[in-house]
Amino acid sequence: MTITSYVIKPLDKTLEAFQNIEDTIADIKTQRNVMIDEITIADYDKILISLEKASENLVNAIVIFQRYEKSL
C-alpha cells in the first residue's frame, strides 16, 4: 500500500471540514448583519476571526495533501 492510499481519506475529511467551516462563516455573516446588540456582534466577530484562521489552516493542509494526490 502506498502513502497515497493513506492520504485519500484524511484529504476527503479535510476538504469536508473546510467546506463546513466556509458554510458556517457565510451563515454567521448573514446572522450578524441582522443583529443589533453590540456585545453579540462583537462575539460573532471573534467567532468569525477564529473560523477564518481555521479555514486558512485547512487550506495549508490541503496544499500539503495535494503533493501526494498527484500520483493517484
C-alpha atoms as a PDB file:
ATOM      1  CA  MET A   1       0.000   0.000   0.000  1.00  0.00           C
ATOM      2  CA  THR A   2       1.393   3.384  -0.980  1.00  0.00           C
ATOM      3  CA  ILE A   3       1.371   6.620   1.001  1.00  0.00           C
ATOM      4  CA  THR A   4      -1.285   7.992  -1.358  1.00  0.00           C
ATOM      5  CA  SER A   5      -3.694   5.302  -0.169  1.00  0.00           C
ATOM      6  CA  TYR A   6      -3.295   6.567   3.377  1.00  0.00           C
ATOM      7  CA  VAL A   7      -3.792  10.196   2.325  1.00  0.00           C
ATOM      8  CA  ILE A   8      -7.089   9.903   0.417  1.00  0.00           C
ATOM      9  CA  LYS A   9      -9.468   9.534   3.368  1.00  0.00           C
ATOM     10  CA  PRO A  10      -7.842  12.252   5.509  1.00  0.00           C
ATOM     11  CA  LEU A  11      -7.831  14.588   2.490  1.00  0.00           C
ATOM     12  CA  ASP A  12     -11.539  13.955   1.925  1.00  0.00           C
ATOM     13  CA  LYS A  13     -12.245  14.674   5.588  1.00  0.00           C
ATOM     14  CA  THR A  14     -10.146  17.828   5.433  1.00  0.00           C
ATOM     15  CA  LEU A  15     -11.984  19.057   2.338  1.00  0.00           C
ATOM     16  CA  GLU A  16     -15.299  18.379   4.059  1.00  0.00           C
ATOM     17  CA  ALA A  17     -14.180  20.238   7.184  1.00  0.00           C
ATOM     18  CA  PHE A  18     -13.085  23.180   5.046  1.00  0.00           C
ATOM     19  CA  GLN A  19     -16.466  23.294   3.304  1.00  0.00           C
ATOM     20  CA  ASN A  20     -18.298  23.092   6.631  1.00  0.00           C
ATOM     21  CA  ILE A  21     -16.265  25.978   8.039  1.00  0.00           C
ATOM     22  CA  GLU A  22     -16.834  28.077   4.919  1.00  0.00           C
ATOM     23  CA  ASP A  23     -20.584  27.396   5.134  1.00  0.00           C
ATOM     24  CA  THR A  24     -20.577  28.349   8.809  1.00  0.00           C
ATOM     25  CA  ILE A  25     -18.702  31.578   8.085  1.00  0.00           C
ATOM     26  CA  ALA A  26     -21.327  32.516   5.499  1.00  0.00           C
ATOM     27  CA  ASP A  27     -24.175  31.710   7.913  1.00  0.00           C
ATOM     28  CA  ILE A  28     -22.627  33.729  10.732  1.00  0.00           C
ATOM     29  CA  LYS A  29     -22.037  36.717   8.455  1.00  0.00           C
ATOM     30  CA  THR A  30     -25.693  36.600   7.424  1.00  0.00           C
ATOM     31  CA  GLN A  31     -26.900  36.380  11.025  1.00  0.00           C
ATOM     32  CA  ARG A  32     -24.517  39.113  12.129  1.00  0.00           C
ATOM     33  CA  ASN A  33     -25.951  41.523   9.558  1.00  0.00           C
ATOM     34  CA  VAL A  34     -29.375  41.477  11.242  1.00  0.00           C
ATOM     35  CA  MET A  35     -28.161  41.787  14.836  1.00  0.00           C
ATOM     36  CA  ILE A  36     -28.479  44.965  16.834  1.00  0.00           C
ATOM     37  CA  ASP A  37     -26.860  44.009  20.154  1.00  0.00           C
ATOM     38  CA  GLU A  38     -23.286  45.311  20.120  1.00  0.00           C
ATOM     39  CA  ILE A  39     -21.978  42.651  22.541  1.00  0.00           C
ATOM     40  CA  THR A  40     -23.361  39.828  20.408  1.00  0.00           C
ATOM     41  CA  ILE A  41     -21.968  41.427  17.262  1.00  0.00           C
ATOM     42  CA  ALA A  42     -18.537  41.670  18.912  1.00  0.00           C
ATOM     43  CA  ASP A  43     -18.711  37.993  19.918  1.00  0.00           C
ATOM     44  CA  TYR A  44     -19.698  36.988  16.389  1.00  0.00           C
ATOM     45  CA  ASP A  45     -16.745  38.979  15.077  1.00  0.00           C
ATOM     46  CA  LYS A  46     -14.464  36.950  17.366  1.00  0.00           C
ATOM     47  CA  ILE A  47     -16.053  33.725  16.142  1.00  0.00           C
ATOM     48  CA  LEU A  48     -15.517  34.797  12.533  1.00  0.00           C
ATOM     49  CA  ILE A  49     -11.848  35.560  13.173  1.00  0.00           C
ATOM     50  CA  SER A  50     -11.325  32.112  14.698  1.00  0.00           C
ATOM     51  CA  LEU A  51     -13.168  30.336  11.893  1.00  0.00           C
ATOM     52  CA  GLU A  52     -11.266  32.261   9.218  1.00  0.00           C
ATOM     53  CA  LYS A  53      -7.969  31.240  10.843  1.00  0.00           C
ATOM     54  CA  ALA A  54      -9.150  27.633  10.918  1.00  0.00           C
ATOM     55  CA  SER A  55     -10.117  27.858   7.262  1.00  0.00           C
ATOM     56  CA  GLU A  56      -6.689  29.236   6.384  1.00  0.00           C
ATOM     57  CA  ASN A  57      -5.006  26.398   8.278  1.00  0.00           C
ATOM     58  CA  LEU A  58      -7.105  23.837   6.437  1.00  0.00           C
ATOM     59  CA  VAL A  59      -6.130  25.362   3.092  1.00  0.00           C
ATOM     60  CA  ASN A  60      -2.483  24.938   4.098  1.00  0.00           C
ATOM     61  CA  ALA A  61      -3.127  21.291   4.963  1.00  0.00           C
ATOM     62  CA  ILE A  62      -4.921  20.714   1.654  1.00  0.00           C
ATOM     63  CA  VAL A  63      -1.931  22.113  -0.247  1.00  0.00           C
ATOM     64  CA  ILE A  64       0.320  19.607   1.507  1.00  0.00           C
ATOM     65  CA  PHE A  65      -2.106  16.744   0.828  1.00  0.00           C
ATOM     66  CA  GLN A  66      -2.112  17.627  -2.877  1.00  0.00           C
ATOM     67  CA  ARG A  67       1.574  16.796  -3.131  1.00  0.00           C
ATOM     68  CA  TYR A  68       0.602  13.162  -2.732  1.00  0.00           C
ATOM     69  CA  GLU A  69      -2.600  13.315  -4.755  1.00  0.00           C
ATOM     70  CA  LYS A  70      -0.638  13.873  -7.987  1.00  0.00           C
ATOM     71  CA  SER A  71       0.443  10.249  -8.017  1.00  0.00           C
ATOM     72  CA  LEU A  72      -3.079   8.850  -7.600  1.00  0.00           C
END
